[in-house]
Amino acid sequence: KKKKKKKTPRRSRNRIMPGSEKELNELVGLLKFNCINEDYYKIITETIAFLLQVGKQSLAHALYESYNDLLDQIDESQKARKESADKEMEVARVEARREGRDYDVVPIECEAEINSLFCKQLPSSIQQVFSFLN
């Protein structure tokens, strides 16, 4: 009889190891996906303008507020992440000095890419419209 080769279960084949490069790349991709790119930005601004033109101020305002909430959340998240990273770096630097070692910063390849993620402000014309309506 020939022995069959054991296959690993499907669950364990597709599982991503925590802390792996593959997991990091997927997280960076998820962050990029959740930030509004230039095409979506244009669609959102045009939709708000259209809704205002056809008299749907409540829908335009809801879209405007939602976009600004997303923008604020991304800004807050970026600031918190940078502050946390700076604190961790300072703690590691102090620890290294206390132990008599040199502290070398090892940059992560995708860190600059993450730092550059943001959402653009809506055009001033749209912001002015809502400042008059409120």
N, C-alpha and C. Protein backbone atom coordinates (compact mmCIF):
# COMPACT_ATOMS: atom_id res chain seq x y z
N LYS A 1 0.82 -1.19 0.00
CA LYS A 1 0.00 0.00 0.00
C LYS A 1 0.86 1.25 0.00
N LYS A 2 0.41 2.24 -0.79
CA LYS A 2 1.11 3.53 -0.78
C LYS A 2 0.49 4.41 0.29
N LYS A 3 1.36 5.05 1.03
CA LYS A 3 0.87 5.96 2.06
C LYS A 3 0.55 7.30 1.44
N LYS A 4 -0.57 7.85 1.84
CA LYS A 4 -0.96 9.16 1.34
C LYS A 4 -0.23 10.25 2.12
N LYS A 5 0.12 11.26 1.40
CA LYS A 5 0.79 12.39 2.02
C LYS A 5 -0.25 13.21 2.79
N LYS A 6 0.07 13.52 4.04
CA LYS A 6 -0.88 14.28 4.85
C LYS A 6 -0.88 15.74 4.40
N LYS A 7 -2.08 16.26 4.22
CA LYS A 7 -2.22 17.67 3.86
C LYS A 7 -2.50 18.46 5.13
N THR A 8 -1.97 19.67 5.17
CA THR A 8 -2.28 20.52 6.31
C THR A 8 -3.70 21.03 6.15
N PRO A 9 -4.40 21.16 7.23
CA PRO A 9 -5.78 21.66 7.14
C PRO A 9 -5.81 23.05 6.49
N ARG A 10 -6.92 23.34 5.82
CA ARG A 10 -7.04 24.61 5.09
C ARG A 10 -6.86 25.81 6.00
N ARG A 11 -7.37 25.70 7.21
CA ARG A 11 -7.27 26.84 8.12
C ARG A 11 -5.81 27.21 8.40
N SER A 12 -4.99 26.23 8.65
CA SER A 12 -3.60 26.53 9.00
C SER A 12 -2.77 26.94 7.78
N ARG A 13 -3.19 26.55 6.57
CA ARG A 13 -2.45 26.94 5.37
C ARG A 13 -2.59 28.43 5.10
N ASN A 14 -3.77 28.98 5.34
CA ASN A 14 -4.03 30.37 5.02
C ASN A 14 -3.79 31.32 6.19
N ARG A 15 -3.45 30.79 7.31
CA ARG A 15 -3.27 31.61 8.50
C ARG A 15 -2.01 32.47 8.37
N ILE A 16 -2.16 33.72 8.74
CA ILE A 16 -1.03 34.65 8.70
C ILE A 16 -0.42 34.69 10.10
N MET A 17 0.87 34.58 10.14
CA MET A 17 1.58 34.61 11.41
C MET A 17 1.54 36.03 11.98
N PRO A 18 1.13 36.20 13.23
CA PRO A 18 1.14 37.53 13.84
C PRO A 18 2.55 38.12 13.85
N GLY A 19 2.64 39.38 13.45
CA GLY A 19 3.93 40.05 13.42
C GLY A 19 4.75 39.79 12.18
N SER A 20 4.22 39.02 11.24
CA SER A 20 4.97 38.69 10.03
C SER A 20 4.92 39.85 9.04
N GLU A 21 5.80 39.78 8.06
CA GLU A 21 5.84 40.81 7.02
C GLU A 21 4.54 40.79 6.21
N LYS A 22 4.00 39.61 6.00
CA LYS A 22 2.75 39.49 5.25
C LYS A 22 1.61 40.19 5.99
N GLU A 23 1.56 40.02 7.31
CA GLU A 23 0.53 40.70 8.11
C GLU A 23 0.71 42.20 8.04
N LEU A 24 1.95 42.66 8.14
CA LEU A 24 2.23 44.10 8.06
C LEU A 24 1.79 44.67 6.72
N ASN A 25 2.12 43.97 5.63
CA ASN A 25 1.71 44.43 4.30
C ASN A 25 0.20 44.48 4.15
N GLU A 26 -0.50 43.50 4.72
CA GLU A 26 -1.96 43.51 4.66
C GLU A 26 -2.54 44.67 5.46
N LEU A 27 -1.95 44.96 6.62
CA LEU A 27 -2.42 46.09 7.43
C LEU A 27 -2.19 47.42 6.72
N VAL A 28 -1.04 47.57 6.08
CA VAL A 28 -0.75 48.79 5.32
C VAL A 28 -1.74 48.93 4.17
N GLY A 29 -2.02 47.83 3.50
CA GLY A 29 -3.01 47.85 2.42
C GLY A 29 -4.39 48.23 2.92
N LEU A 30 -4.76 47.74 4.09
CA LEU A 30 -6.05 48.08 4.68
C LEU A 30 -6.11 49.57 5.02
N LEU A 31 -5.04 50.10 5.57
CA LEU A 31 -4.99 51.53 5.87
C LEU A 31 -5.12 52.37 4.60
N LYS A 32 -4.42 51.98 3.57
CA LYS A 32 -4.49 52.71 2.29
C LYS A 32 -5.90 52.64 1.72
N PHE A 33 -6.52 51.49 1.83
CA PHE A 33 -7.86 51.30 1.30
C PHE A 33 -8.87 52.19 2.01
N ASN A 34 -8.66 52.42 3.32
CA ASN A 34 -9.59 53.22 4.10
C ASN A 34 -9.37 54.72 3.98
N CYS A 35 -8.29 55.12 3.35
CA CYS A 35 -8.08 56.55 3.09
C CYS A 35 -8.65 56.86 1.71
N ILE A 36 -9.22 58.03 1.60
CA ILE A 36 -9.88 58.40 0.34
C ILE A 36 -8.84 58.85 -0.66
N ASN A 37 -8.84 58.20 -1.82
CA ASN A 37 -7.87 58.57 -2.86
C ASN A 37 -8.43 59.73 -3.69
N GLU A 38 -7.68 60.15 -4.67
CA GLU A 38 -8.04 61.32 -5.47
C GLU A 38 -9.35 61.14 -6.22
N ASP A 39 -9.58 59.94 -6.75
CA ASP A 39 -10.82 59.68 -7.49
C ASP A 39 -12.05 59.80 -6.58
N TYR A 40 -11.99 59.15 -5.40
CA TYR A 40 -13.12 59.23 -4.48
C TYR A 40 -13.32 60.65 -3.96
N TYR A 41 -12.21 61.35 -3.75
CA TYR A 41 -12.30 62.74 -3.29
C TYR A 41 -13.08 63.58 -4.31
N LYS A 42 -12.76 63.38 -5.57
CA LYS A 42 -13.45 64.13 -6.64
C LYS A 42 -14.93 63.76 -6.68
N ILE A 43 -15.23 62.48 -6.55
CA ILE A 43 -16.62 62.02 -6.56
C ILE A 43 -17.40 62.63 -5.38
N ILE A 44 -16.78 62.64 -4.21
CA ILE A 44 -17.45 63.18 -3.03
C ILE A 44 -17.72 64.67 -3.19
N THR A 45 -16.72 65.43 -3.66
CA THR A 45 -16.94 66.87 -3.83
C THR A 45 -18.01 67.15 -4.88
N GLU A 46 -17.98 66.40 -5.98
CA GLU A 46 -18.99 66.59 -7.02
C GLU A 46 -20.39 66.19 -6.53
N THR A 47 -20.46 65.15 -5.73
CA THR A 47 -21.75 64.72 -5.19
C THR A 47 -22.32 65.76 -4.24
N ILE A 48 -21.48 66.33 -3.39
CA ILE A 48 -21.95 67.37 -2.47
C ILE A 48 -22.45 68.57 -3.26
N ALA A 49 -21.69 68.98 -4.27
CA ALA A 49 -22.11 70.12 -5.11
C ALA A 49 -23.43 69.82 -5.81
N PHE A 50 -23.57 68.62 -6.34
CA PHE A 50 -24.81 68.24 -7.03
C PHE A 50 -26.00 68.26 -6.07
N LEU A 51 -25.82 67.67 -4.88
CA LEU A 51 -26.90 67.64 -3.91
C LEU A 51 -27.33 69.04 -3.50
N LEU A 52 -26.38 69.93 -3.39
CA LEU A 52 -26.71 71.32 -3.06
C LEU A 52 -27.48 71.98 -4.20
N GLN A 53 -27.11 71.69 -5.42
CA GLN A 53 -27.77 72.29 -6.58
C GLN A 53 -29.22 71.83 -6.74
N VAL A 54 -29.49 70.58 -6.38
CA VAL A 54 -30.86 70.07 -6.55
C VAL A 54 -31.70 70.22 -5.28
N GLY A 55 -31.19 70.97 -4.31
CA GLY A 55 -31.96 71.28 -3.11
C GLY A 55 -31.97 70.21 -2.03
N LYS A 56 -31.03 69.31 -2.06
CA LYS A 56 -30.94 68.26 -1.05
C LYS A 56 -29.86 68.61 -0.02
N GLN A 57 -30.06 69.74 0.66
CA GLN A 57 -29.06 70.23 1.60
C GLN A 57 -28.81 69.26 2.76
N SER A 58 -29.86 68.57 3.21
CA SER A 58 -29.67 67.66 4.34
C SER A 58 -28.75 66.49 3.96
N LEU A 59 -28.94 65.95 2.76
CA LEU A 59 -28.05 64.87 2.31
C LEU A 59 -26.63 65.37 2.08
N ALA A 60 -26.52 66.56 1.47
CA ALA A 60 -25.20 67.14 1.23
C ALA A 60 -24.50 67.40 2.55
N HIS A 61 -25.25 67.89 3.54
CA HIS A 61 -24.66 68.18 4.86
C HIS A 61 -24.21 66.90 5.55
N ALA A 62 -25.02 65.83 5.42
CA ALA A 62 -24.65 64.55 6.03
C ALA A 62 -23.35 64.01 5.41
N LEU A 63 -23.24 64.11 4.09
CA LEU A 63 -22.02 63.66 3.42
C LEU A 63 -20.82 64.52 3.82
N TYR A 64 -21.05 65.82 3.91
CA TYR A 64 -20.01 66.78 4.32
C TYR A 64 -19.52 66.45 5.74
N GLU A 65 -20.46 66.24 6.66
CA GLU A 65 -20.10 65.93 8.05
C GLU A 65 -19.38 64.58 8.14
N SER A 66 -19.85 63.60 7.40
CA SER A 66 -19.22 62.28 7.42
C SER A 66 -17.78 62.35 6.92
N TYR A 67 -17.58 63.10 5.85
CA TYR A 67 -16.23 63.24 5.30
C TYR A 67 -15.32 63.93 6.31
N ASN A 68 -15.82 65.00 6.92
CA ASN A 68 -15.01 65.73 7.90
C ASN A 68 -14.73 64.88 9.14
N ASP A 69 -15.68 64.04 9.55
CA ASP A 69 -15.45 63.13 10.66
C ASP A 69 -14.33 62.14 10.32
N LEU A 70 -14.37 61.59 9.11
CA LEU A 70 -13.32 60.67 8.68
C LEU A 70 -11.96 61.38 8.67
N LEU A 71 -11.93 62.58 8.15
CA LEU A 71 -10.69 63.36 8.10
C LEU A 71 -10.14 63.58 9.51
N ASP A 72 -11.02 63.95 10.45
CA ASP A 72 -10.59 64.16 11.84
C ASP A 72 -10.09 62.88 12.49
N GLN A 73 -10.78 61.77 12.23
CA GLN A 73 -10.36 60.49 12.82
C GLN A 73 -9.00 60.06 12.30
N ILE A 74 -8.76 60.26 11.02
CA ILE A 74 -7.46 59.90 10.46
C ILE A 74 -6.36 60.78 11.04
N ASP A 75 -6.63 62.09 11.16
CA ASP A 75 -5.65 62.99 11.75
C ASP A 75 -5.33 62.61 13.20
N GLU A 76 -6.38 62.34 13.99
CA GLU A 76 -6.18 61.96 15.39
C GLU A 76 -5.41 60.65 15.49
N SER A 77 -5.75 59.70 14.65
CA SER A 77 -5.07 58.41 14.66
C SER A 77 -3.59 58.57 14.32
N GLN A 78 -3.29 59.38 13.30
CA GLN A 78 -1.89 59.63 12.91
C GLN A 78 -1.12 60.28 14.06
N LYS A 79 -1.72 61.30 14.68
CA LYS A 79 -1.05 61.99 15.79
C LYS A 79 -0.79 61.03 16.95
N ALA A 80 -1.81 60.25 17.32
CA ALA A 80 -1.66 59.31 18.44
C ALA A 80 -0.59 58.27 18.14
N ARG A 81 -0.57 57.76 16.89
CA ARG A 81 0.42 56.75 16.53
C ARG A 81 1.82 57.33 16.57
N LYS A 82 1.98 58.56 16.06
CA LYS A 82 3.31 59.19 16.07
C LYS A 82 3.78 59.48 17.49
N GLU A 83 2.86 59.97 18.35
CA GLU A 83 3.22 60.24 19.74
C GLU A 83 3.62 58.95 20.45
N SER A 84 2.86 57.89 20.21
CA SER A 84 3.17 56.61 20.83
C SER A 84 4.53 56.08 20.36
N ALA A 85 4.79 56.20 19.07
CA ALA A 85 6.08 55.74 18.53
C ALA A 85 7.23 56.56 19.10
N ASP A 86 7.03 57.88 19.24
CA ASP A 86 8.07 58.74 19.81
C ASP A 86 8.35 58.38 21.26
N LYS A 87 7.28 58.11 22.02
CA LYS A 87 7.46 57.72 23.43
C LYS A 87 8.21 56.39 23.53
N GLU A 88 7.80 55.42 22.71
CA GLU A 88 8.48 54.13 22.73
C GLU A 88 9.95 54.26 22.36
N MET A 89 10.23 55.11 21.38
CA MET A 89 11.61 55.32 20.96
C MET A 89 12.43 55.96 22.07
N GLU A 90 11.83 56.91 22.77
CA GLU A 90 12.54 57.59 23.86
C GLU A 90 12.80 56.62 25.02
N VAL A 91 11.82 55.79 25.34
CA VAL A 91 12.00 54.79 26.40
C VAL A 91 13.12 53.83 26.02
N ALA A 92 13.14 53.38 24.78
CA ALA A 92 14.19 52.46 24.32
C ALA A 92 15.55 53.14 24.34
N ARG A 93 15.59 54.42 23.96
CA ARG A 93 16.85 55.17 23.97
C ARG A 93 17.39 55.31 25.39
N VAL A 94 16.52 55.65 26.35
CA VAL A 94 16.93 55.79 27.75
C VAL A 94 17.41 54.45 28.29
N GLU A 95 16.68 53.39 27.97
CA GLU A 95 17.05 52.05 28.42
C GLU A 95 18.43 51.65 27.87
N ALA A 96 18.67 51.96 26.61
CA ALA A 96 19.95 51.62 25.99
C ALA A 96 21.09 52.40 26.65
N ARG A 97 20.87 53.68 26.93
CA ARG A 97 21.91 54.49 27.59
C ARG A 97 22.20 53.95 28.98
N ARG A 98 21.13 53.56 29.69
CA ARG A 98 21.31 53.05 31.04
C ARG A 98 22.15 51.78 31.03
N GLU A 99 21.99 50.98 29.98
CA GLU A 99 22.75 49.74 29.87
C GLU A 99 24.11 49.95 29.20
N GLY A 100 24.40 51.18 28.80
CA GLY A 100 25.69 51.48 28.20
C GLY A 100 25.80 51.11 26.74
N ARG A 101 24.67 50.99 26.04
CA ARG A 101 24.70 50.65 24.62
C ARG A 101 24.34 51.88 23.80
N ASP A 102 24.70 51.81 22.53
CA ASP A 102 24.25 52.84 21.59
C ASP A 102 22.86 52.44 21.12
N TYR A 103 22.04 53.45 20.89
CA TYR A 103 20.69 53.17 20.40
C TYR A 103 20.60 53.58 18.95
N ASP A 104 20.33 52.61 18.09
CA ASP A 104 20.18 52.87 16.67
C ASP A 104 18.71 52.70 16.28
N VAL A 105 18.18 53.70 15.62
CA VAL A 105 16.81 53.62 15.13
C VAL A 105 16.79 52.77 13.88
N VAL A 106 15.93 51.78 13.89
CA VAL A 106 15.78 50.91 12.73
C VAL A 106 14.44 51.26 12.07
N PRO A 107 14.50 51.97 10.95
CA PRO A 107 13.23 52.36 10.32
C PRO A 107 12.55 51.17 9.66
N ILE A 108 11.25 51.14 9.77
CA ILE A 108 10.46 50.11 9.10
C ILE A 108 10.15 50.63 7.71
N GLU A 109 10.26 49.79 6.71
CA GLU A 109 10.13 50.20 5.31
C GLU A 109 8.83 50.95 5.03
N CYS A 110 7.74 50.49 5.60
CA CYS A 110 6.44 51.07 5.27
C CYS A 110 6.06 52.25 6.16
N GLU A 111 6.91 52.62 7.09
CA GLU A 111 6.58 53.68 8.04
C GLU A 111 6.36 55.03 7.35
N ALA A 112 7.20 55.37 6.40
CA ALA A 112 7.03 56.62 5.67
C ALA A 112 5.73 56.60 4.87
N GLU A 113 5.40 55.45 4.33
CA GLU A 113 4.17 55.30 3.56
C GLU A 113 2.95 55.52 4.46
N ILE A 114 2.99 54.98 5.67
CA ILE A 114 1.90 55.15 6.62
C ILE A 114 1.81 56.60 7.07
N ASN A 115 2.96 57.23 7.30
CA ASN A 115 2.97 58.63 7.73
C ASN A 115 2.38 59.55 6.67
N SER A 116 2.44 59.15 5.41
CA SER A 116 1.97 60.01 4.33
C SER A 116 0.47 59.87 4.06
N LEU A 117 -0.19 58.92 4.73
CA LEU A 117 -1.62 58.73 4.50
C LEU A 117 -2.42 59.86 5.13
N PHE A 118 -3.33 60.45 4.36
CA PHE A 118 -4.20 61.50 4.86
C PHE A 118 -5.35 61.70 3.90
N CYS A 119 -6.34 62.47 4.33
CA CYS A 119 -7.45 62.86 3.45
C CYS A 119 -7.36 64.36 3.24
N LYS A 120 -7.61 64.76 2.02
CA LYS A 120 -7.57 66.18 1.70
C LYS A 120 -8.78 66.90 2.29
N GLN A 121 -8.58 68.17 2.61
CA GLN A 121 -9.70 69.02 3.04
C GLN A 121 -10.63 69.21 1.85
N LEU A 122 -11.91 69.33 2.14
CA LEU A 122 -12.86 69.64 1.08
C LEU A 122 -12.58 71.05 0.58
N PRO A 123 -12.95 71.35 -0.66
CA PRO A 123 -12.68 72.68 -1.22
C PRO A 123 -13.31 73.78 -0.36
N SER A 124 -12.66 74.93 -0.35
CA SER A 124 -13.14 76.04 0.49
C SER A 124 -14.53 76.49 0.08
N SER A 125 -14.87 76.36 -1.21
CA SER A 125 -16.20 76.77 -1.65
C SER A 125 -17.28 75.94 -0.96
N ILE A 126 -17.07 74.64 -0.81
CA ILE A 126 -18.04 73.78 -0.13
C ILE A 126 -18.08 74.11 1.36
N GLN A 127 -16.91 74.35 1.95
CA GLN A 127 -16.87 74.70 3.37
C GLN A 127 -17.59 76.01 3.63
N GLN A 128 -17.44 76.96 2.73
CA GLN A 128 -18.12 78.26 2.88
C GLN A 128 -19.63 78.10 2.79
N VAL A 129 -20.11 77.28 1.87
CA VAL A 129 -21.55 77.04 1.74
C VAL A 129 -22.13 76.56 3.06
N PHE A 130 -21.46 75.58 3.68
CA PHE A 130 -21.99 75.04 4.92
C PHE A 130 -21.81 75.98 6.09
N SER A 131 -20.82 76.84 6.06
CA SER A 131 -20.69 77.85 7.11
C SER A 131 -21.85 78.85 7.03
N PHE A 132 -22.34 79.15 5.82
CA PHE A 132 -23.49 80.04 5.66
C PHE A 132 -24.79 79.34 6.04
N LEU A 133 -24.90 78.04 5.75
CA LEU A 133 -26.14 77.30 6.04
C LEU A 133 -26.31 77.04 7.53
N ASN A 134 -25.23 76.98 8.26
CA ASN A 134 -25.31 76.67 9.71
C ASN A 134 -25.58 77.88 10.52
